[in-house]
Amino acid sequence: RPFDDTVNTKELMAAFDEKVWVSYPEYGSRVVLWQKFMEEHKLQVDPTKLNISTLARISDGYPAGSIKQTVDRVLTERRVQQLKVRPLKVQEFIGP
């Protein structure tokens, strides 16, 4: 969260009369999110080569923005160019 250090969340919450809480995406939604975010990088996922189901399972409890951020971090322009010689692996999406 980029503004955690500078924003007083109690004051921010008090400024609004109504609040909307959005839950984290469920398993099926996470599968679709992983696929869609990869498609934004012109990548069609072959389920026999990259197990999206595993990515969806390990990303339980993460918001959609974190999944997008992970995909964007891994699928750099250079990495996308290397896909023909070096296929993607699930481990690339898991942090150090």
Protein backbone atom coordinates (compact mmCIF):
# COMPACT_ATOMS: atom_id res chain seq x y z
CA ARG A 1 0.00 0.00 0.00
CA PRO A 2 1.71 3.14 -1.19
CA PHE A 3 0.23 5.62 1.28
CA ASP A 4 0.39 3.66 4.54
CA ASP A 5 3.06 5.94 5.96
CA THR A 6 1.33 9.22 5.16
CA VAL A 7 -2.42 8.60 5.50
CA ASN A 8 -4.26 8.43 8.78
CA THR A 9 -6.74 5.66 7.99
CA LYS A 10 -8.97 6.41 11.00
CA GLU A 11 -9.53 9.97 9.80
CA LEU A 12 -10.00 8.78 6.25
CA MET A 13 -12.64 6.22 7.30
CA ALA A 14 -14.42 8.82 9.44
CA ALA A 15 -14.71 11.13 6.41
CA PHE A 16 -17.17 8.78 4.67
CA ASP A 17 -20.73 8.01 5.75
CA GLU A 18 -20.85 4.67 4.00
CA LYS A 19 -18.15 2.13 3.36
CA VAL A 20 -18.05 -0.69 0.85
CA TRP A 21 -15.93 -3.71 1.68
CA VAL A 22 -14.81 -5.84 -1.23
CA SER A 23 -13.77 -9.39 -0.52
CA TYR A 24 -10.75 -11.05 -2.06
CA PRO A 25 -11.43 -12.98 -5.26
CA GLU A 26 -12.40 -16.63 -4.95
CA TYR A 27 -10.56 -19.47 -6.67
CA GLY A 28 -12.48 -19.32 -9.98
CA SER A 29 -12.08 -15.56 -10.19
CA ARG A 30 -8.35 -15.83 -9.49
CA VAL A 31 -7.97 -18.32 -12.37
CA VAL A 32 -9.67 -15.83 -14.71
CA LEU A 33 -7.60 -12.92 -13.33
CA TRP A 34 -4.30 -14.75 -13.91
CA GLN A 35 -5.37 -15.57 -17.47
CA LYS A 36 -6.66 -12.09 -18.30
CA PHE A 37 -3.62 -10.31 -16.88
CA MET A 38 -1.33 -12.57 -18.90
CA GLU A 39 -3.40 -11.94 -22.02
CA GLU A 40 -2.73 -8.21 -21.54
CA HIS A 41 0.89 -9.12 -22.31
CA LYS A 42 -0.22 -10.95 -25.50
CA LEU A 43 0.35 -14.33 -23.85
CA GLN A 44 -2.07 -17.21 -24.39
CA VAL A 45 -1.57 -19.63 -21.54
CA ASP A 46 -1.20 -23.28 -22.45
CA PRO A 47 -2.47 -25.23 -19.39
CA THR A 48 -0.15 -28.13 -20.21
CA LYS A 49 2.87 -25.84 -19.86
CA LEU A 50 1.85 -23.41 -17.10
CA ASN A 51 -0.49 -24.50 -14.33
CA ILE A 52 -2.78 -21.52 -13.72
CA SER A 53 -4.65 -23.59 -11.14
CA THR A 54 -1.54 -23.67 -8.96
CA LEU A 55 -1.14 -19.90 -9.26
CA ALA A 56 -4.80 -19.44 -8.31
CA ARG A 57 -4.42 -21.70 -5.26
CA ILE A 58 -1.27 -20.03 -3.93
CA SER A 59 -2.70 -16.54 -4.47
CA ASP A 60 -5.59 -17.18 -2.05
CA GLY A 61 -6.04 -14.10 0.12
CA TYR A 62 -4.44 -11.71 -2.37
CA PRO A 63 -6.36 -8.89 -4.04
CA ALA A 64 -6.65 -8.63 -7.82
CA GLY A 65 -4.18 -5.71 -7.82
CA SER A 66 -1.46 -7.87 -6.30
CA ILE A 67 -2.01 -10.56 -8.92
CA LYS A 68 -1.78 -7.96 -11.69
CA GLN A 69 1.35 -6.49 -10.14
CA THR A 70 2.96 -9.94 -10.03
CA VAL A 71 2.12 -10.67 -13.67
CA ASP A 72 3.45 -7.26 -14.75
CA ARG A 73 6.64 -7.81 -12.74
CA VAL A 74 7.32 -11.21 -14.31
CA LEU A 75 6.16 -10.58 -17.86
CA THR A 76 8.51 -7.81 -18.81
CA GLU A 77 9.01 -7.04 -22.47
CA ARG A 78 12.30 -8.91 -22.43
CA ARG A 79 10.79 -11.97 -20.70
CA VAL A 80 7.94 -12.14 -23.23
CA GLN A 81 10.51 -12.16 -26.04
CA GLN A 82 12.28 -15.13 -24.39
CA LEU A 83 9.15 -17.30 -24.14
CA LYS A 84 9.92 -19.33 -27.27
CA VAL A 85 13.28 -20.50 -25.91
CA ARG A 86 12.43 -20.46 -22.20
CA PRO A 87 8.81 -21.27 -21.27
CA LEU A 88 7.23 -19.75 -18.17
CA LYS A 89 7.31 -21.65 -14.90
CA VAL A 90 5.05 -21.24 -11.88
CA GLN A 91 8.15 -20.57 -9.75
CA GLU A 92 8.75 -17.29 -11.61
CA PHE A 93 5.54 -15.89 -10.10
CA ILE A 94 6.40 -16.88 -6.55
CA GLY A 95 8.37 -14.26 -4.68
CA PRO A 96 11.86 -14.84 -3.34
